[in-house]
PDB file of N, CA and C in Angstrom:
ATOM      1  N   MET A   1       0.841  -1.176   0.000  1.00  0.00           N
ATOM      2  CA  MET A   1       0.000   0.000   0.000  1.00  0.00           C
ATOM      3  C   MET A   1       0.888   1.242   0.000  1.00  0.00           C
ATOM      4  N   HIS A   2       0.492   2.240  -0.774  1.00  0.00           N
ATOM      5  CA  HIS A   2       1.270   3.471  -0.874  1.00  0.00           C
ATOM      6  C   HIS A   2       0.967   4.389   0.304  1.00  0.00           C
ATOM      7  N   PRO A   3       1.961   5.141   0.745  1.00  0.00           N
ATOM      8  CA  PRO A   3       1.702   6.080   1.832  1.00  0.00           C
ATOM      9  C   PRO A   3       0.804   7.219   1.361  1.00  0.00           C
ATOM     10  N   ASP A   4       0.060   7.764   2.270  1.00  0.00           N
ATOM     11  CA  ASP A   4      -0.874   8.845   1.966  1.00  0.00           C
ATOM     12  C   ASP A   4      -0.104  10.147   1.736  1.00  0.00           C
ATOM     13  N   PRO A   5      -0.178  10.739   0.525  1.00  0.00           N
ATOM     14  CA  PRO A   5       0.578  11.967   0.276  1.00  0.00           C
ATOM     15  C   PRO A   5      -0.007  13.176   1.005  1.00  0.00           C
ATOM     16  N   CYS A   6      -1.232  13.088   1.484  1.00  0.00           N
ATOM     17  CA  CYS A   6      -1.879  14.222   2.139  1.00  0.00           C
ATOM     18  C   CYS A   6      -1.791  14.146   3.660  1.00  0.00           C
ATOM     19  N   ILE A   7      -0.916  13.343   4.160  1.00  0.00           N
ATOM     20  CA  ILE A   7      -0.836  13.181   5.610  1.00  0.00           C
ATOM     21  C   ILE A   7      -0.347  14.466   6.283  1.00  0.00           C
ATOM     22  N   LYS A   8       0.426  15.280   5.553  1.00  0.00           N
ATOM     23  CA  LYS A   8       0.968  16.516   6.118  1.00  0.00           C
ATOM     24  C   LYS A   8       0.044  17.707   5.922  1.00  0.00           C
ATOM     25  N   CYS A   9      -1.066  17.550   5.206  1.00  0.00           N
ATOM     26  CA  CYS A   9      -1.976  18.661   4.924  1.00  0.00           C
ATOM     27  C   CYS A   9      -2.711  19.068   6.197  1.00  0.00           C
ATOM     28  N   GLN A  10      -2.877  20.368   6.357  1.00  0.00           N
ATOM     29  CA  GLN A  10      -3.590  20.898   7.513  1.00  0.00           C
ATOM     30  C   GLN A  10      -5.099  20.889   7.281  1.00  0.00           C
ATOM     31  N   ASP A  11      -5.505  21.225   6.065  1.00  0.00           N
ATOM     32  CA  ASP A  11      -6.936  21.291   5.730  1.00  0.00           C
ATOM     33  C   ASP A  11      -7.427  19.898   5.343  1.00  0.00           C
ATOM     34  N   PRO A  12      -8.429  19.355   6.041  1.00  0.00           N
ATOM     35  CA  PRO A  12      -8.900  17.996   5.701  1.00  0.00           C
ATOM     36  C   PRO A  12      -9.631  17.933   4.357  1.00  0.00           C
ATOM     37  N   TYR A  13     -10.014  19.086   3.794  1.00  0.00           N
ATOM     38  CA  TYR A  13     -10.731  19.106   2.511  1.00  0.00           C
ATOM     39  C   TYR A  13      -9.832  19.525   1.356  1.00  0.00           C
ATOM     40  N   ASP A  14      -8.533  19.624   1.583  1.00  0.00           N
ATOM     41  CA  ASP A  14      -7.590  19.980   0.534  1.00  0.00           C
ATOM     42  C   ASP A  14      -7.060  18.694  -0.103  1.00  0.00           C
ATOM     43  N   TYR A  15      -7.568  18.386  -1.288  1.00  0.00           N
ATOM     44  CA  TYR A  15      -7.177  17.159  -1.982  1.00  0.00           C
ATOM     45  C   TYR A  15      -6.194  17.429  -3.116  1.00  0.00           C
ATOM     46  N   SER A  16      -5.608  18.602  -3.157  1.00  0.00           N
ATOM     47  CA  SER A  16      -4.717  18.957  -4.261  1.00  0.00           C
ATOM     48  C   SER A  16      -3.451  18.098  -4.281  1.00  0.00           C
ATOM     49  N   CYS A  17      -3.075  17.517  -3.165  1.00  0.00           N
ATOM     50  CA  CYS A  17      -1.878  16.674  -3.156  1.00  0.00           C
ATOM     51  C   CYS A  17      -2.106  15.347  -3.889  1.00  0.00           C
ATOM     52  N   TYR A  18      -3.372  14.978  -4.127  1.00  0.00           N
ATOM     53  CA  TYR A  18      -3.671  13.746  -4.865  1.00  0.00           C
ATOM     54  C   TYR A  18      -3.643  13.962  -6.376  1.00  0.00           C
ATOM     55  N   LEU A  19      -3.702  15.212  -6.816  1.00  0.00           N
ATOM     56  CA  LEU A  19      -3.757  15.501  -8.246  1.00  0.00           C
ATOM     57  C   LEU A  19      -2.389  15.293  -8.883  1.00  0.00           C
ATOM     58  N   LEU A  20      -2.407  14.693 -10.051  1.00  0.00           N
ATOM     59  CA  LEU A  20      -1.175  14.476 -10.791  1.00  0.00           C
ATOM     60  C   LEU A  20      -1.016  15.567 -11.837  1.00  0.00           C
ATOM     61  N   GLU A  21       0.211  15.918 -12.127  1.00  0.00           N
ATOM     62  CA  GLU A  21       0.493  16.929 -13.143  1.00  0.00           C
ATOM     63  C   GLU A  21       0.320  16.300 -14.525  1.00  0.00           C
ATOM     64  N   VAL A  22      -0.469  16.928 -15.375  1.00  0.00           N
ATOM     65  CA  VAL A  22      -0.703  16.430 -16.732  1.00  0.00           C
ATOM     66  C   VAL A  22      -0.002  17.374 -17.696  1.00  0.00           C
ATOM     67  N   ASP A  23       0.877  16.828 -18.519  1.00  0.00           N
ATOM     68  CA  ASP A  23       1.625  17.688 -19.424  1.00  0.00           C
ATOM     69  C   ASP A  23       0.800  18.061 -20.653  1.00  0.00           C
ATOM     70  N   VAL A  24       1.270  19.057 -21.368  1.00  0.00           N
ATOM     71  CA  VAL A  24       0.545  19.617 -22.513  1.00  0.00           C
ATOM     72  C   VAL A  24       0.413  18.586 -23.632  1.00  0.00           C
ATOM     73  N   THR A  25       1.406  17.737 -23.814  1.00  0.00           N
ATOM     74  CA  THR A  25       1.364  16.728 -24.870  1.00  0.00           C
ATOM     75  C   THR A  25       0.202  15.766 -24.667  1.00  0.00           C
ATOM     76  N   THR A  26      -0.024  15.358 -23.432  1.00  0.00           N
ATOM     77  CA  THR A  26      -1.126  14.447 -23.135  1.00  0.00           C
ATOM     78  C   THR A  26      -2.472  15.109 -23.406  1.00  0.00           C
ATOM     79  N   ILE A  27      -2.604  16.359 -23.034  1.00  0.00           N
ATOM     80  CA  ILE A  27      -3.850  17.087 -23.271  1.00  0.00           C
ATOM     81  C   ILE A  27      -4.095  17.247 -24.765  1.00  0.00           C
ATOM     82  N   LEU A  28      -3.057  17.601 -25.515  1.00  0.00           N
ATOM     83  CA  LEU A  28      -3.214  17.773 -26.967  1.00  0.00           C
ATOM     84  C   LEU A  28      -3.571  16.463 -27.654  1.00  0.00           C
ATOM     85  N   MET A  29      -2.947  15.369 -27.244  1.00  0.00           N
ATOM     86  CA  MET A  29      -3.268  14.074 -27.844  1.00  0.00           C
ATOM     87  C   MET A  29      -4.715  13.677 -27.542  1.00  0.00           C
ATOM     88  N   GLY A  30      -5.178  13.945 -26.345  1.00  0.00           N
ATOM     89  CA  GLY A  30      -6.567  13.664 -26.002  1.00  0.00           C
ATOM     90  C   GLY A  30      -7.526  14.481 -26.838  1.00  0.00           C
ATOM     91  N   MET A  31      -7.201  15.757 -27.033  1.00  0.00           N
ATOM     92  CA  MET A  31      -8.068  16.612 -27.852  1.00  0.00           C
ATOM     93  C   MET A  31      -8.078  16.148 -29.307  1.00  0.00           C
ATOM     94  N   VAL A  32      -6.925  15.726 -29.822  1.00  0.00           N
ATOM     95  CA  VAL A  32      -6.851  15.222 -31.203  1.00  0.00           C
ATOM     96  C   VAL A  32      -7.703  13.962 -31.351  1.00  0.00           C
ATOM     97  N   LEU A  33      -7.638  13.067 -30.373  1.00  0.00           N
ATOM     98  CA  LEU A  33      -8.443  11.840 -30.439  1.00  0.00           C
ATOM     99  C   LEU A  33      -9.937  12.139 -30.382  1.00  0.00           C
ATOM    100  N   ILE A  34     -10.345  13.063 -29.527  1.00  0.00           N
ATOM    101  CA  ILE A  34     -11.762  13.407 -29.426  1.00  0.00           C
ATOM    102  C   ILE A  34     -12.255  14.047 -30.717  1.00  0.00           C
ATOM    103  N   ILE A  35     -11.499  15.000 -31.251  1.00  0.00           N
ATOM    104  CA  ILE A  35     -11.902  15.669 -32.494  1.00  0.00           C
ATOM    105  C   ILE A  35     -11.908  14.676 -33.653  1.00  0.00           C
ATOM    106  N   GLY A  36     -10.916  13.789 -33.707  1.00  0.00           N
ATOM    107  CA  GLY A  36     -10.876  12.790 -34.775  1.00  0.00           C
ATOM    108  C   GLY A  36     -12.043  11.833 -34.722  1.00  0.00           C
ATOM    109  N   SER A  37     -12.432  11.415 -33.517  1.00  0.00           N
ATOM    110  CA  SER A  37     -13.571  10.498 -33.426  1.00  0.00           C
ATOM    111  C   SER A  37     -14.867  11.202 -33.785  1.00  0.00           C
ATOM    112  N   LEU A  38     -14.984  12.474 -33.439  1.00  0.00           N
ATOM    113  CA  LEU A  38     -16.187  13.220 -33.840  1.00  0.00           C
ATOM    114  C   LEU A  38     -16.236  13.391 -35.355  1.00  0.00           C
ATOM    115  N   LEU A  39     -15.095  13.712 -35.955  1.00  0.00           N
ATOM    116  CA  LEU A  39     -15.062  13.904 -37.407  1.00  0.00           C
ATOM    117  C   LEU A  39     -15.340  12.616 -38.172  1.00  0.00           C
ATOM    118  N   SER A  40     -15.073  11.482 -37.566  1.00  0.00           N
ATOM    119  CA  SER A  40     -15.344  10.233 -38.267  1.00  0.00           C
ATOM    120  C   SER A  40     -16.833   9.900 -38.291  1.00  0.00           C
ATOM    121  N   PHE A  41     -17.611  10.455 -37.363  1.00  0.00           N
ATOM    122  CA  PHE A  41     -19.044  10.175 -37.332  1.00  0.00           C
ATOM    123  C   PHE A  41     -19.888  11.245 -38.022  1.00  0.00           C
ATOM    124  N   ILE A  42     -19.370  12.450 -38.161  1.00  0.00           N
ATOM    125  CA  ILE A  42     -20.167  13.541 -38.727  1.00  0.00           C
ATOM    126  C   ILE A  42     -20.638  13.249 -40.154  1.00  0.00           C
ATOM    127  N   PRO A  43     -19.796  12.730 -41.077  1.00  0.00           N
ATOM    128  CA  PRO A  43     -20.306  12.447 -42.431  1.00  0.00           C
ATOM    129  C   PRO A  43     -21.451  11.432 -42.444  1.00  0.00           C
ATOM    130  N   GLN A  44     -21.396  10.437 -41.584  1.00  0.00           N
ATOM    131  CA  GLN A  44     -22.472   9.455 -41.533  1.00  0.00           C
ATOM    132  C   GLN A  44     -23.765  10.097 -41.018  1.00  0.00           C
ATOM    133  N   ILE A  45     -23.666  10.942 -40.026  1.00  0.00           N
ATOM    134  CA  ILE A  45     -24.848  11.608 -39.481  1.00  0.00           C
ATOM    135  C   ILE A  45     -25.458  12.537 -40.519  1.00  0.00           C
ATOM    136  N   VAL A  46     -24.616  13.282 -41.231  1.00  0.00           N
ATOM    137  CA  VAL A  46     -25.114  14.183 -42.274  1.00  0.00           C
ATOM    138  C   VAL A  46     -25.808  13.387 -43.369  1.00  0.00           C
ATOM    139  N   GLN A  47     -25.237  12.271 -43.767  1.00  0.00           N
ATOM    140  CA  GLN A  47     -25.854  11.443 -44.804  1.00  0.00           C
ATOM    141  C   GLN A  47     -27.202  10.896 -44.336  1.00  0.00           C
ATOM    142  N   LEU A  48     -27.293  10.486 -43.077  1.00  0.00           N
ATOM    143  CA  LEU A  48     -28.570   9.987 -42.563  1.00  0.00           C
ATOM    144  C   LEU A  48     -29.636  11.074 -42.576  1.00  0.00           C
ATOM    145  N   PHE A  49     -29.259  12.300 -42.224  1.00  0.00           N
ATOM    146  CA  PHE A  49     -30.235  13.386 -42.246  1.00  0.00           C
ATOM    147  C   PHE A  49     -30.635  13.771 -43.660  1.00  0.00           C
ATOM    148  N   LYS A  50     -29.692  13.704 -44.595  1.00  0.00           N
ATOM    149  CA  LYS A  50     -30.011  14.038 -45.981  1.00  0.00           C
ATOM    150  C   LYS A  50     -30.957  13.004 -46.590  1.00  0.00           C
ATOM    151  N   LEU A  51     -30.647  11.709 -46.393  1.00  0.00           N
ATOM    152  CA  LEU A  51     -31.455  10.655 -47.002  1.00  0.00           C
ATOM    153  C   LEU A  51     -32.768  10.421 -46.263  1.00  0.00           C
ATOM    154  N   LYS A  52     -32.811  10.748 -44.979  1.00  0.00           N
ATOM    155  CA  LYS A  52     -33.990  10.569 -44.132  1.00  0.00           C
ATOM    156  C   LYS A  52     -34.451   9.104 -44.069  1.00  0.00           C
ATOM    157  N   ASN A  53     -33.491   8.185 -44.232  1.00  0.00           N
ATOM    158  CA  ASN A  53     -33.790   6.773 -44.023  1.00  0.00           C
ATOM    159  C   ASN A  53     -32.510   6.065 -43.598  1.00  0.00           C
ATOM    160  N   THR A  54     -32.658   4.837 -43.194  1.00  0.00           N
ATOM    161  CA  THR A  54     -31.503   4.076 -42.713  1.00  0.00           C
ATOM    162  C   THR A  54     -31.126   2.963 -43.675  1.00  0.00           C
ATOM    163  N   GLU A  55     -31.466   3.134 -44.947  1.00  0.00           N
ATOM    164  CA  GLU A  55     -31.151   2.108 -45.942  1.00  0.00           C
ATOM    165  C   GLU A  55     -29.637   1.982 -46.103  1.00  0.00           C
ATOM    166  N   GLY A  56     -29.149   0.760 -46.065  1.00  0.00           N
ATOM    167  CA  GLY A  56     -27.730   0.507 -46.204  1.00  0.00           C
ATOM    168  C   GLY A  56     -26.950   0.638 -44.913  1.00  0.00           C
ATOM    169  N   LEU A  57     -27.645   0.850 -43.811  1.00  0.00           N
ATOM    170  CA  LEU A  57     -26.990   1.002 -42.523  1.00  0.00           C
ATOM    171  C   LEU A  57     -26.853  -0.357 -41.857  1.00  0.00           C
ATOM    172  N   SER A  58     -25.667  -0.720 -41.468  1.00  0.00           N
ATOM    173  CA  SER A  58     -25.424  -2.002 -40.832  1.00  0.00           C
ATOM    174  C   SER A  58     -25.547  -1.844 -39.317  1.00  0.00           C
ATOM    175  N   PHE A  59     -26.515  -2.526 -38.730  1.00  0.00           N
ATOM    176  CA  PHE A  59     -26.726  -2.396 -37.291  1.00  0.00           C
ATOM    177  C   PHE A  59     -25.606  -3.066 -36.502  1.00  0.00           C
ATOM    178  N   GLN A  60     -24.974  -4.090 -37.070  1.00  0.00           N
ATOM    179  CA  GLN A  60     -23.821  -4.695 -36.402  1.00  0.00           C
ATOM    180  C   GLN A  60     -22.677  -3.687 -36.303  1.00  0.00           C
ATOM    181  N   MET A  61     -22.448  -2.937 -37.374  1.00  0.00           N
ATOM    182  CA  MET A  61     -21.386  -1.941 -37.337  1.00  0.00           C
ATOM    183  C   MET A  61     -21.733  -0.795 -36.398  1.00  0.00           C
ATOM    184  N   LEU A  62     -23.013  -0.455 -36.284  1.00  0.00           N
ATOM    185  CA  LEU A  62     -23.415   0.568 -35.326  1.00  0.00           C
ATOM    186  C   LEU A  62     -23.108   0.131 -33.900  1.00  0.00           C
ATOM    187  N   HIS A  63     -23.391  -1.127 -33.594  1.00  0.00           N
ATOM    188  CA  HIS A  63     -23.096  -1.638 -32.250  1.00  0.00           C
ATOM    189  C   HIS A  63     -21.589  -1.651 -31.997  1.00  0.00           C
ATOM    190  N   LEU A  64     -20.821  -2.089 -32.991  1.00  0.00           N
ATOM    191  CA  LEU A  64     -19.374  -2.098 -32.824  1.00  0.00           C
ATOM    192  C   LEU A  64     -18.822  -0.683 -32.664  1.00  0.00           C
ATOM    193  N   ALA A  65     -19.363   0.257 -33.402  1.00  0.00           N
ATOM    194  CA  ALA A  65     -18.918   1.652 -33.278  1.00  0.00           C
ATOM    195  C   ALA A  65     -19.264   2.207 -31.907  1.00  0.00           C
ATOM    196  N   GLN A  66     -20.418   1.835 -31.377  1.00  0.00           N
ATOM    197  CA  GLN A  66     -20.803   2.296 -30.052  1.00  0.00           C
ATOM    198  C   GLN A  66     -19.880   1.722 -28.988  1.00  0.00           C
ATOM    199  N   TYR A  67     -19.533   0.450 -29.110  1.00  0.00           N
ATOM    200  CA  TYR A  67     -18.576  -0.144 -28.171  1.00  0.00           C
ATOM    201  C   TYR A  67     -17.224   0.531 -28.277  1.00  0.00           C
ATOM    202  N   ASN A  68     -16.833   0.887 -29.501  1.00  0.00           N
ATOM    203  CA  ASN A  68     -15.565   1.575 -29.705  1.00  0.00           C
ATOM    204  C   ASN A  68     -15.583   2.938 -29.030  1.00  0.00           C
ATOM    205  N   GLN A  69     -16.674   3.665 -29.141  1.00  0.00           N
ATOM    206  CA  GLN A  69     -16.774   4.988 -28.534  1.00  0.00           C
ATOM    207  C   GLN A  69     -16.792   4.904 -27.017  1.00  0.00           C
ATOM    208  N   ASP A  70     -17.427   3.870 -26.482  1.00  0.00           N
ATOM    209  CA  ASP A  70     -17.504   3.728 -25.027  1.00  0.00           C
ATOM    210  C   ASP A  70     -16.195   3.264 -24.415  1.00  0.00           C
ATOM    211  N   GLY A  71     -15.305   2.738 -25.215  1.00  0.00           N
ATOM    212  CA  GLY A  71     -14.022   2.274 -24.709  1.00  0.00           C
ATOM    213  C   GLY A  71     -14.106   0.917 -24.043  1.00  0.00           C
ATOM    214  N   ILE A  72     -15.113   0.146 -24.392  1.00  0.00           N
ATOM    215  CA  ILE A  72     -15.272  -1.174 -23.773  1.00  0.00           C
ATOM    216  C   ILE A  72     -14.377  -2.172 -24.473  1.00  0.00           C
TER     217      ILE A  72
END
């Protein structure tokens, strides 16, 4: 078990010692992944709204895409 890093804190509600420093590269990569995943779905959504039907839509691929988005 790891020692408690907040053992020296005076304020019992100060949890800042548990926070980890996140560098800019990690934040940028996360933003790129989020924007890329959104851009991959936008053309399909636009096509569905234009055609106003679901002809040619594979429900198996929709389920797989949903699992991919959820990170399961």
